Amino acid sequence: MENYHKITRDDFMKFFRDNEKLNELYADDRVEVFRTILVGSSDFTKNLLDEILSDYCVSNLEVIDLDNEKRK
């Protein structure tokens, strides 16, 4: 895709929200997007990770907030 600099935020979000288009991505592509899309460490919260685990029905993992654990 030579003209990727011309993709607008709206174009990207339209693609992202289109299940048919999204299903054209390989599993490795999805992992790459998942691993790189967030801005930084402040984006990672216990609540966000808990929601992701719940959305994907992952019941064998638990997120522990160490800062809260240290305060007890």
N, C-alpha and C. Protein backbone atom coordinates (compact mmCIF):
# COMPACT_ATOMS: atom_id res chain seq x y z
N MET A 1 0.84 -1.16 0.00
CA MET A 1 0.00 0.00 0.00
C MET A 1 0.89 1.24 0.00
N GLU A 2 1.15 1.74 -1.13
CA GLU A 2 2.08 2.85 -1.30
C GLU A 2 1.55 4.16 -0.74
N ASN A 3 0.25 4.37 -0.75
CA ASN A 3 -0.33 5.65 -0.36
C ASN A 3 -0.89 5.62 1.07
N TYR A 4 -0.28 4.85 1.93
CA TYR A 4 -0.83 4.74 3.28
C TYR A 4 -0.80 6.05 4.04
N HIS A 5 0.02 7.00 3.65
CA HIS A 5 0.05 8.31 4.30
C HIS A 5 -1.24 9.09 4.05
N LYS A 6 -2.02 8.68 3.06
CA LYS A 6 -3.26 9.38 2.74
C LYS A 6 -4.47 8.82 3.48
N ILE A 7 -4.29 7.78 4.28
CA ILE A 7 -5.39 7.20 5.04
C ILE A 7 -5.72 8.14 6.20
N THR A 8 -6.98 8.52 6.27
CA THR A 8 -7.40 9.38 7.36
C THR A 8 -7.78 8.55 8.57
N ARG A 9 -7.93 9.21 9.70
CA ARG A 9 -8.38 8.54 10.90
C ARG A 9 -9.74 7.87 10.63
N ASP A 10 -10.63 8.60 9.95
CA ASP A 10 -11.96 8.05 9.64
C ASP A 10 -11.86 6.80 8.76
N ASP A 11 -10.95 6.82 7.77
CA ASP A 11 -10.74 5.63 6.93
C ASP A 11 -10.26 4.45 7.77
N PHE A 12 -9.31 4.71 8.64
CA PHE A 12 -8.77 3.64 9.47
C PHE A 12 -9.85 3.06 10.37
N MET A 13 -10.62 3.93 11.01
CA MET A 13 -11.65 3.46 11.93
C MET A 13 -12.77 2.73 11.18
N LYS A 14 -13.08 3.18 9.97
CA LYS A 14 -14.08 2.49 9.16
C LYS A 14 -13.60 1.08 8.84
N PHE A 15 -12.34 0.94 8.47
CA PHE A 15 -11.76 -0.38 8.21
C PHE A 15 -11.80 -1.23 9.48
N PHE A 16 -11.36 -0.64 10.59
CA PHE A 16 -11.27 -1.35 11.86
C PHE A 16 -12.64 -1.86 12.31
N ARG A 17 -13.68 -1.12 12.03
CA ARG A 17 -15.04 -1.48 12.48
C ARG A 17 -15.78 -2.37 11.48
N ASP A 18 -15.16 -2.65 10.35
CA ASP A 18 -15.78 -3.48 9.31
C ASP A 18 -15.30 -4.92 9.51
N ASN A 19 -16.15 -5.76 10.07
CA ASN A 19 -15.76 -7.14 10.36
C ASN A 19 -15.32 -7.91 9.12
N GLU A 20 -15.95 -7.65 8.00
CA GLU A 20 -15.57 -8.34 6.76
C GLU A 20 -14.14 -7.99 6.36
N LYS A 21 -13.81 -6.70 6.41
CA LYS A 21 -12.45 -6.27 6.08
C LYS A 21 -11.45 -6.75 7.13
N LEU A 22 -11.83 -6.63 8.38
CA LEU A 22 -10.94 -7.05 9.46
C LEU A 22 -10.60 -8.54 9.36
N ASN A 23 -11.55 -9.32 8.89
CA ASN A 23 -11.32 -10.76 8.75
C ASN A 23 -10.34 -11.10 7.63
N GLU A 24 -9.97 -10.11 6.82
CA GLU A 24 -8.96 -10.32 5.78
C GLU A 24 -7.55 -10.33 6.37
N LEU A 25 -7.40 -9.85 7.59
CA LEU A 25 -6.09 -9.83 8.23
C LEU A 25 -5.71 -11.22 8.73
N TYR A 26 -4.43 -11.53 8.64
CA TYR A 26 -3.93 -12.77 9.22
C TYR A 26 -3.85 -12.62 10.74
N ALA A 27 -3.80 -13.74 11.43
CA ALA A 27 -3.70 -13.70 12.90
C ALA A 27 -2.46 -12.92 13.33
N ASP A 28 -1.35 -13.10 12.63
CA ASP A 28 -0.12 -12.36 12.97
C ASP A 28 -0.30 -10.85 12.80
N ASP A 29 -1.07 -10.45 11.79
CA ASP A 29 -1.36 -9.03 11.58
C ASP A 29 -2.12 -8.47 12.78
N ARG A 30 -3.09 -9.22 13.24
CA ARG A 30 -3.90 -8.78 14.38
C ARG A 30 -3.07 -8.65 15.64
N VAL A 31 -2.19 -9.61 15.86
CA VAL A 31 -1.31 -9.54 17.02
C VAL A 31 -0.40 -8.32 16.93
N GLU A 32 0.13 -8.05 15.74
CA GLU A 32 0.99 -6.89 15.56
C GLU A 32 0.25 -5.59 15.88
N VAL A 33 -0.97 -5.46 15.40
CA VAL A 33 -1.77 -4.26 15.69
C VAL A 33 -2.04 -4.18 17.19
N PHE A 34 -2.44 -5.28 17.78
CA PHE A 34 -2.75 -5.32 19.21
C PHE A 34 -1.54 -4.90 20.05
N ARG A 35 -0.38 -5.38 19.68
CA ARG A 35 0.84 -5.11 20.46
C ARG A 35 1.37 -3.70 20.28
N THR A 36 0.99 -3.02 19.21
CA THR A 36 1.62 -1.72 18.92
C THR A 36 0.68 -0.53 18.93
N ILE A 37 -0.61 -0.73 19.08
CA ILE A 37 -1.57 0.36 18.89
C ILE A 37 -1.63 1.33 20.07
N LEU A 38 -1.37 0.88 21.28
CA LEU A 38 -1.46 1.76 22.44
C LEU A 38 -0.25 2.69 22.50
N VAL A 39 -0.46 3.86 23.07
CA VAL A 39 0.57 4.90 23.08
C VAL A 39 1.70 4.60 24.04
N GLY A 40 1.37 4.18 25.24
CA GLY A 40 2.43 3.96 26.22
C GLY A 40 1.93 3.23 27.45
N SER A 41 2.80 3.17 28.45
CA SER A 41 2.50 2.39 29.65
C SER A 41 1.27 2.88 30.40
N SER A 42 0.96 4.16 30.29
CA SER A 42 -0.22 4.68 30.99
C SER A 42 -1.52 4.14 30.42
N ASP A 43 -1.47 3.59 29.20
CA ASP A 43 -2.66 2.99 28.60
C ASP A 43 -3.01 1.64 29.23
N PHE A 44 -2.03 1.01 29.84
CA PHE A 44 -2.24 -0.31 30.42
C PHE A 44 -2.72 -0.17 31.86
N THR A 45 -3.97 -0.53 32.07
CA THR A 45 -4.53 -0.50 33.41
C THR A 45 -5.09 -1.87 33.73
N LYS A 46 -5.25 -2.14 34.98
CA LYS A 46 -5.85 -3.40 35.40
C LYS A 46 -7.25 -3.53 34.81
N ASN A 47 -8.00 -2.43 34.86
CA ASN A 47 -9.36 -2.45 34.33
C ASN A 47 -9.38 -2.80 32.84
N LEU A 48 -8.51 -2.17 32.05
CA LEU A 48 -8.45 -2.46 30.61
C LEU A 48 -8.10 -3.93 30.37
N LEU A 49 -7.08 -4.41 31.06
CA LEU A 49 -6.67 -5.81 30.85
C LEU A 49 -7.75 -6.78 31.31
N ASP A 50 -8.42 -6.47 32.41
CA ASP A 50 -9.54 -7.31 32.86
C ASP A 50 -10.65 -7.35 31.82
N GLU A 51 -10.95 -6.19 31.23
CA GLU A 51 -11.99 -6.12 30.19
C GLU A 51 -11.60 -6.94 28.96
N ILE A 52 -10.34 -6.84 28.55
CA ILE A 52 -9.88 -7.61 27.39
C ILE A 52 -9.99 -9.10 27.67
N LEU A 53 -9.54 -9.53 28.85
CA LEU A 53 -9.64 -10.95 29.20
C LEU A 53 -11.09 -11.40 29.22
N SER A 54 -11.96 -10.56 29.72
CA SER A 54 -13.39 -10.90 29.74
C SER A 54 -13.96 -10.95 28.33
N ASP A 55 -13.62 -9.97 27.49
CA ASP A 55 -14.12 -9.93 26.11
C ASP A 55 -13.75 -11.19 25.34
N TYR A 56 -12.57 -11.74 25.65
CA TYR A 56 -12.09 -12.93 24.94
C TYR A 56 -12.35 -14.21 25.72
N CYS A 57 -13.13 -14.11 26.80
CA CYS A 57 -13.51 -15.27 27.62
C CYS A 57 -12.29 -16.03 28.12
N VAL A 58 -11.27 -15.30 28.53
CA VAL A 58 -10.06 -15.91 29.09
C VAL A 58 -10.26 -16.00 30.60
N SER A 59 -10.42 -17.21 31.09
CA SER A 59 -10.72 -17.38 32.52
C SER A 59 -9.54 -17.94 33.31
N ASN A 60 -8.45 -18.28 32.64
CA ASN A 60 -7.33 -18.90 33.33
C ASN A 60 -6.22 -17.91 33.67
N LEU A 61 -6.46 -16.61 33.45
CA LEU A 61 -5.47 -15.58 33.77
C LEU A 61 -6.10 -14.55 34.69
N GLU A 62 -5.25 -13.95 35.53
CA GLU A 62 -5.72 -12.91 36.44
C GLU A 62 -4.71 -11.78 36.46
N VAL A 63 -5.18 -10.55 36.46
CA VAL A 63 -4.32 -9.37 36.52
C VAL A 63 -4.31 -8.88 37.96
N ILE A 64 -3.13 -8.67 38.50
CA ILE A 64 -2.97 -8.19 39.86
C ILE A 64 -2.32 -6.82 39.81
N ASP A 65 -2.92 -5.86 40.48
CA ASP A 65 -2.38 -4.50 40.57
C ASP A 65 -1.40 -4.47 41.73
N LEU A 66 -0.10 -4.51 41.43
CA LEU A 66 0.92 -4.57 42.47
C LEU A 66 0.94 -3.33 43.35
N ASP A 67 0.65 -2.16 42.78
CA ASP A 67 0.61 -0.95 43.60
C ASP A 67 -0.43 -1.08 44.70
N ASN A 68 -1.58 -1.62 44.36
CA ASN A 68 -2.63 -1.83 45.37
C ASN A 68 -2.24 -2.91 46.36
N GLU A 69 -1.54 -3.93 45.88
CA GLU A 69 -1.11 -5.01 46.77
C GLU A 69 -0.10 -4.49 47.79
N LYS A 70 0.79 -3.58 47.38
CA LYS A 70 1.80 -3.05 48.29
C LYS A 70 1.19 -2.19 49.38
N ARG A 71 0.03 -1.59 49.12
CA ARG A 71 -0.62 -0.70 50.08
C ARG A 71 -1.34 -1.45 51.18
N LYS A 72 -1.61 -2.72 51.00
CA LYS A 72 -2.36 -3.50 52.01
C LYS A 72 -1.55 -3.77 53.23
